[in-house]
Amino acid sequence: MAIRIEHVGDVAVVSVEDVLTDGTKVDELKAVLLRIIESGGRSRVLVDLTRVQHLTSTAMGMLVRAYMQAIECGVALRICGLSPDVLPPVTWPPMLNGYESRDEALKALQEV
C-alpha cells in the first residue's frame, strides 16, 4: 500500500493506493492520519480513496474513529473517491461526507 501526503492550500490530502484489508495497512493509514490531525498544523484533511481497490469494515471503522478524533482536535476530515464497487454508499457512515471527486471535496473543505 502506498500513502502519499500533499498539501493543497491549507488542506492535507492523504492519497491511498491499493487495498485496505489487513491490520498492518489499516494501522499505517491510521498513524498517518492521527499524526496530521493531532499535530495542529492543518485544520482540514482530505482522504482520497480513488485508487483503493478493496476496503474492509476494519478500515471503515478506523476512518470513523479518525473522523471523531479530528472533530475533537478541531479538524475537518472528508473522504473522496470511494467507489460503490469497493463499498456501497448505503454502508458509509453519513458523518464521513463522501465525495465522488477530489475537486468536489476540496471545494467543500474550503467552505468549512
Protein backbone atom coordinates (compact mmCIF):
# COMPACT_ATOMS: atom_id res chain seq x y z
CA MET A 1 0.00 0.00 0.00
CA ALA A 2 1.22 3.45 -0.84
CA ILE A 3 0.26 6.56 1.11
CA ARG A 4 1.07 9.97 -0.33
CA ILE A 5 0.63 13.26 1.51
CA GLU A 6 0.43 16.56 -0.30
CA HIS A 7 -0.79 19.99 0.63
CA VAL A 8 -3.36 21.84 -1.43
CA GLY A 9 -3.69 25.25 0.18
CA ASP A 10 -4.36 24.56 3.83
CA VAL A 11 -5.72 21.06 3.15
CA ALA A 12 -3.58 17.99 3.83
CA VAL A 13 -4.52 15.47 1.12
CA VAL A 14 -3.77 11.86 2.05
CA SER A 15 -3.96 9.64 -1.06
CA VAL A 16 -4.12 5.90 -0.59
CA GLU A 17 -3.42 3.27 -3.25
CA ASP A 18 -4.01 -0.48 -3.33
CA VAL A 19 -6.15 -2.22 -0.71
CA LEU A 20 -7.07 -1.62 2.91
CA THR A 21 -7.65 -5.17 4.00
CA ASP A 22 -5.14 -6.19 6.63
CA GLY A 23 -4.45 -4.74 10.03
CA THR A 24 -0.95 -3.54 9.17
CA LYS A 25 -2.14 -1.40 6.28
CA VAL A 26 -5.05 -0.01 8.26
CA ASP A 27 -2.71 0.79 11.18
CA GLU A 28 -0.28 2.51 8.82
CA LEU A 29 -3.02 4.79 7.47
CA LYS A 30 -4.33 5.40 10.98
CA ALA A 31 -0.87 6.51 12.15
CA VAL A 32 -0.54 8.92 9.23
CA LEU A 33 -3.99 10.41 9.78
CA LEU A 34 -3.56 10.79 13.54
CA ARG A 35 -0.16 12.41 13.09
CA ILE A 36 -1.69 15.03 10.79
CA ILE A 37 -4.83 15.51 12.89
CA GLU A 38 -3.06 15.79 16.23
CA SER A 39 -0.15 17.93 15.01
CA GLY A 40 -2.30 21.05 14.86
CA GLY A 41 -0.62 22.03 11.60
CA ARG A 42 -3.66 21.53 9.37
CA SER A 43 -7.30 22.31 10.06
CA ARG A 44 -8.56 20.37 7.03
CA VAL A 45 -7.77 16.82 5.90
CA LEU A 46 -8.94 15.01 2.79
CA VAL A 47 -8.55 11.24 2.48
CA ASP A 48 -8.52 10.33 -1.22
CA LEU A 49 -9.52 6.69 -1.75
CA THR A 50 -9.85 6.89 -5.53
CA ARG A 51 -7.16 4.23 -6.05
CA VAL A 52 -8.29 1.89 -3.28
CA GLN A 53 -9.44 -1.43 -4.69
CA HIS A 54 -10.83 -3.02 -1.53
CA LEU A 55 -11.86 -1.74 1.90
CA THR A 56 -12.74 -3.82 4.94
CA SER A 57 -15.10 -2.96 7.76
CA THR A 58 -12.00 -2.61 9.96
CA ALA A 59 -10.71 0.11 7.66
CA MET A 60 -14.08 1.87 7.65
CA GLY A 61 -14.15 1.71 11.45
CA MET A 62 -10.70 3.28 11.57
CA LEU A 63 -11.86 6.10 9.27
CA VAL A 64 -14.84 6.75 11.56
CA ARG A 65 -12.53 6.87 14.60
CA ALA A 66 -10.15 9.21 12.75
CA TYR A 67 -13.13 11.43 11.91
CA MET A 68 -14.16 11.55 15.57
CA GLN A 69 -10.58 12.36 16.62
CA ALA A 70 -10.49 15.12 14.00
CA ILE A 71 -13.64 16.66 15.50
CA GLU A 72 -12.05 16.61 18.96
CA CYS A 73 -8.99 18.39 17.55
CA GLY A 74 -10.99 20.96 15.57
CA VAL A 75 -10.04 19.45 12.21
CA ALA A 76 -12.43 18.95 9.26
CA LEU A 77 -11.87 15.49 7.74
CA ARG A 78 -13.53 14.40 4.50
CA ILE A 79 -13.26 11.40 2.18
CA CYS A 80 -13.43 11.25 -1.58
CA GLY A 81 -13.23 8.69 -4.34
CA LEU A 82 -14.68 5.71 -2.54
CA SER A 83 -16.12 3.64 -5.37
CA PRO A 84 -19.51 1.98 -4.91
CA ASP A 85 -17.79 -1.18 -6.15
CA VAL A 86 -15.48 -1.05 -3.13
CA LEU A 87 -18.10 -0.13 -0.55
CA PRO A 88 -21.73 0.68 -1.40
CA PRO A 89 -22.68 4.25 -0.35
CA VAL A 90 -25.53 2.90 1.76
CA THR A 91 -22.97 1.49 4.18
CA TRP A 92 -20.98 4.73 4.56
CA PRO A 93 -21.43 6.41 7.89
CA PRO A 94 -23.08 9.74 6.98
CA MET A 95 -20.57 11.64 9.11
CA LEU A 96 -17.82 10.92 6.59
CA ASN A 97 -19.41 13.08 3.88
CA GLY A 98 -18.08 11.03 0.98
CA TYR A 99 -17.45 12.99 -2.21
CA GLU A 100 -17.14 11.47 -5.66
CA SER A 101 -14.25 13.64 -6.81
CA ARG A 102 -11.22 15.18 -5.21
CA ASP A 103 -12.12 18.62 -6.64
CA GLU A 104 -15.61 18.43 -5.15
CA ALA A 105 -14.21 17.51 -1.73
CA LEU A 106 -11.54 20.23 -1.82
CA LYS A 107 -14.19 22.82 -2.68
CA ALA A 108 -16.38 21.63 0.20
CA LEU A 109 -13.43 21.79 2.61
CA GLN A 110 -12.69 25.37 1.61
CA GLU A 111 -16.20 26.26 2.77
CA VAL A 112 -15.69 24.73 6.24
